[in-house]
C-alpha atoms as a PDB file:
ATOM      1  CA  MET A   1       4.510  -5.921   3.417  1.00  0.00           C
ATOM      2  CA  GLY A   2       5.289  -9.519   4.198  1.00  0.00           C
ATOM      3  CA  ASP A   3       9.093  -9.150   4.455  1.00  0.00           C
ATOM      4  CA  GLY A   4       9.132  -7.619   7.906  1.00  0.00           C
ATOM      5  CA  THR A   5       8.674  -3.948   6.568  1.00  0.00           C
ATOM      6  CA  THR A   6       5.892  -1.616   7.296  1.00  0.00           C
ATOM      7  CA  VAL A   7       5.036   1.214   4.769  1.00  0.00           C
ATOM      8  CA  THR A   8       2.820   4.128   5.905  1.00  0.00           C
ATOM      9  CA  CYS A   9       1.489   6.441   3.084  1.00  0.00           C
ATOM     10  CA  HIS A  10      -0.085   9.694   3.930  1.00  0.00           C
ATOM     11  CA  GLY A  11      -2.477  11.200   1.325  1.00  0.00           C
ATOM     12  CA  PRO A  12      -3.949   9.827  -1.828  1.00  0.00           C
ATOM     13  CA  GLY A  13      -0.684   8.748  -3.598  1.00  0.00           C
ATOM     14  CA  THR A  14       0.148   9.260  -7.257  1.00  0.00           C
ATOM     15  CA  PRO A  15      -2.187   7.741  -9.836  1.00  0.00           C
ATOM     16  CA  TYR A  16      -0.331   5.138 -12.044  1.00  0.00           C
ATOM     17  CA  ALA A  17       0.479   6.594 -15.526  1.00  0.00           C
ATOM     18  CA  LYS A  18       1.605   4.178 -18.204  1.00  0.00           C
ATOM     19  CA  SER A  19       4.535   6.666 -19.008  1.00  0.00           C
ATOM     20  CA  ARG A  20       6.195   5.998 -15.809  1.00  0.00           C
ATOM     21  CA  GLY A  21       6.969   2.443 -16.659  1.00  0.00           C
ATOM     22  CA  LYS A  22       8.042   0.410 -13.675  1.00  0.00           C
ATOM     23  CA  ALA A  23       9.551   3.500 -11.969  1.00  0.00           C
ATOM     24  CA  MET A  24       9.200   3.666  -8.227  1.00  0.00           C
ATOM     25  CA  SER A  25       6.204   5.667  -6.622  1.00  0.00           C
ATOM     26  CA  PRO A  26       7.386   9.296  -6.148  1.00  0.00           C
ATOM     27  CA  ASP A  27       5.607   9.599  -2.777  1.00  0.00           C
ATOM     28  CA  CYS A  28       4.984   6.214  -1.294  1.00  0.00           C
ATOM     29  CA  GLY A  29       6.168   2.560  -2.305  1.00  0.00           C
ATOM     30  CA  HIS A  30       8.041  -0.335  -1.181  1.00  0.00           C
ATOM     31  CA  LEU A  31      10.989  -2.254  -2.952  1.00  0.00           C
ATOM     32  CA  TYR A  32      11.455  -5.906  -2.115  1.00  0.00           C
ATOM     33  CA  VAL A  33      15.190  -6.624  -1.721  1.00  0.00           C
ATOM     34  CA  ARG A  34      14.854 -10.438  -1.741  1.00  0.00           C
ATOM     35  CA  PRO A  35      12.741 -13.024  -3.502  1.00  0.00           C
ATOM     36  CA  SER A  36       9.720 -14.559  -1.927  1.00  0.00           C
ATOM     37  CA  SER A  37      10.813 -18.114  -3.025  1.00  0.00           C
ATOM     38  CA  GLU A  38      11.987 -18.929   0.668  1.00  0.00           C
ATOM     39  CA  GLN A  39       8.698 -18.019   2.082  1.00  0.00           C
ATOM     40  CA  PRO A  40       5.934 -20.563   2.787  1.00  0.00           C
ATOM     41  CA  GLY A  41       3.897 -21.027  -0.397  1.00  0.00           C
ATOM     42  CA  GLY A  42       6.630 -18.890  -2.260  1.00  0.00           C
ATOM     43  CA  ARG A  43       5.055 -15.589  -1.629  1.00  0.00           C
ATOM     44  CA  PHE A  44       5.224 -12.880   0.755  1.00  0.00           C
ATOM     45  CA  LYS A  45       1.866 -12.399   2.788  1.00  0.00           C
ATOM     46  CA  GLY A  46       1.003  -9.013   3.923  1.00  0.00           C
ATOM     47  CA  THR A  47      -1.947  -6.839   4.943  1.00  0.00           C
ATOM     48  CA  ALA A  48      -3.043  -3.386   3.269  1.00  0.00           C
ATOM     49  CA  THR A  49      -4.981  -1.192   5.682  1.00  0.00           C
ATOM     50  CA  VAL A  50      -6.592   2.024   4.890  1.00  0.00           C
ATOM     51  CA  THR A  51      -8.161   4.380   7.230  1.00  0.00           C
ATOM     52  CA  TRP A  52     -10.665   7.264   6.295  1.00  0.00           C
ATOM     53  CA  THR A  53     -11.383  10.107   8.592  1.00  0.00           C
ATOM     54  CA  VAL A  54     -14.396  12.245   7.514  1.00  0.00           C
ATOM     55  CA  THR A  55     -15.360  15.455   9.252  1.00  0.00           C
ATOM     56  CA  TRP A  56     -18.732  16.796   8.498  1.00  0.00           C
ATOM     57  CA  THR A  57     -20.872  20.004   9.325  1.00  0.00           C
ATOM     58  CA  ALA A  58     -24.445  20.749   8.971  1.00  0.00           C
ATOM     59  CA  PRO A  59     -24.516  24.483   9.931  1.00  0.00           C
ATOM     60  CA  ALA A  60     -28.244  24.787   9.427  1.00  0.00           C
ATOM     61  CA  LEU A  61     -28.911  22.096  12.102  1.00  0.00           C
ATOM     62  CA  ASN A  62     -25.902  23.213  14.169  1.00  0.00           C
ATOM     63  CA  ASP A  63     -24.689  19.839  13.855  1.00  0.00           C
ATOM     64  CA  GLY A  64     -21.406  18.022  12.829  1.00  0.00           C
ATOM     65  CA  GLY A  65     -19.061  15.333  13.782  1.00  0.00           C
ATOM     66  CA  GLN A  66     -16.360  12.948  12.682  1.00  0.00           C
ATOM     67  CA  LEU A  67     -16.466   9.466  11.282  1.00  0.00           C
ATOM     68  CA  THR A  68     -13.365   7.167  11.047  1.00  0.00           C
ATOM     69  CA  GLU A  69     -13.611   3.931   8.914  1.00  0.00           C
ATOM     70  CA  THR A  70     -10.734   1.338   8.850  1.00  0.00           C
ATOM     71  CA  ARG A  71     -10.575  -1.491   6.242  1.00  0.00           C
ATOM     72  CA  ALA A  72      -7.971  -4.284   5.967  1.00  0.00           C
ATOM     73  CA  SER A  73      -7.245  -6.637   3.106  1.00  0.00           C
ATOM     74  CA  GLU A  74      -4.654  -9.499   3.062  1.00  0.00           C
ATOM     75  CA  PHE A  75      -2.497  -9.897  -0.115  1.00  0.00           C
ATOM     76  CA  THR A  76       0.436 -12.101  -1.294  1.00  0.00           C
ATOM     77  CA  ALA A  77       3.330 -10.906  -3.488  1.00  0.00           C
ATOM     78  CA  ASP A  78       5.326 -13.359  -5.662  1.00  0.00           C
ATOM     79  CA  VAL A  79       8.746 -11.521  -5.925  1.00  0.00           C
ATOM     80  CA  ARG A  80      11.245 -13.162  -8.228  1.00  0.00           C
ATOM     81  CA  GLU A  81      14.857 -12.640  -8.981  1.00  0.00           C
ATOM     82  CA  VAL A  82      16.375 -12.183 -12.221  1.00  0.00           C
ATOM     83  CA  GLN A  83      20.071 -12.552 -12.787  1.00  0.00           C
ATOM     84  CA  VAL A  84      21.555 -11.351 -16.137  1.00  0.00           C
ATOM     85  CA  VAL A  85      24.996 -12.400 -17.416  1.00  0.00           C
ATOM     86  CA  ASN A  86      26.452 -10.093 -20.071  1.00  0.00           C
END
């Protein structure tokens, strides 16, 4: 996640719904606990990786197999801190 944390999610996750607002994901997410201002370029730098495994069969041909595909994309996250005085 760029802050020294690794998050592993299993399954497709929960689709975003506007009604959830800014609530955390119910099944997989990450909360940054400090701002990114002290990082090079002022942003956290991380990598998102996804792996698909497909198992297929072709009974008429008495054939089948498994295919695994992995893709990775780098990202940056600008995390800011807001302080409110009441």
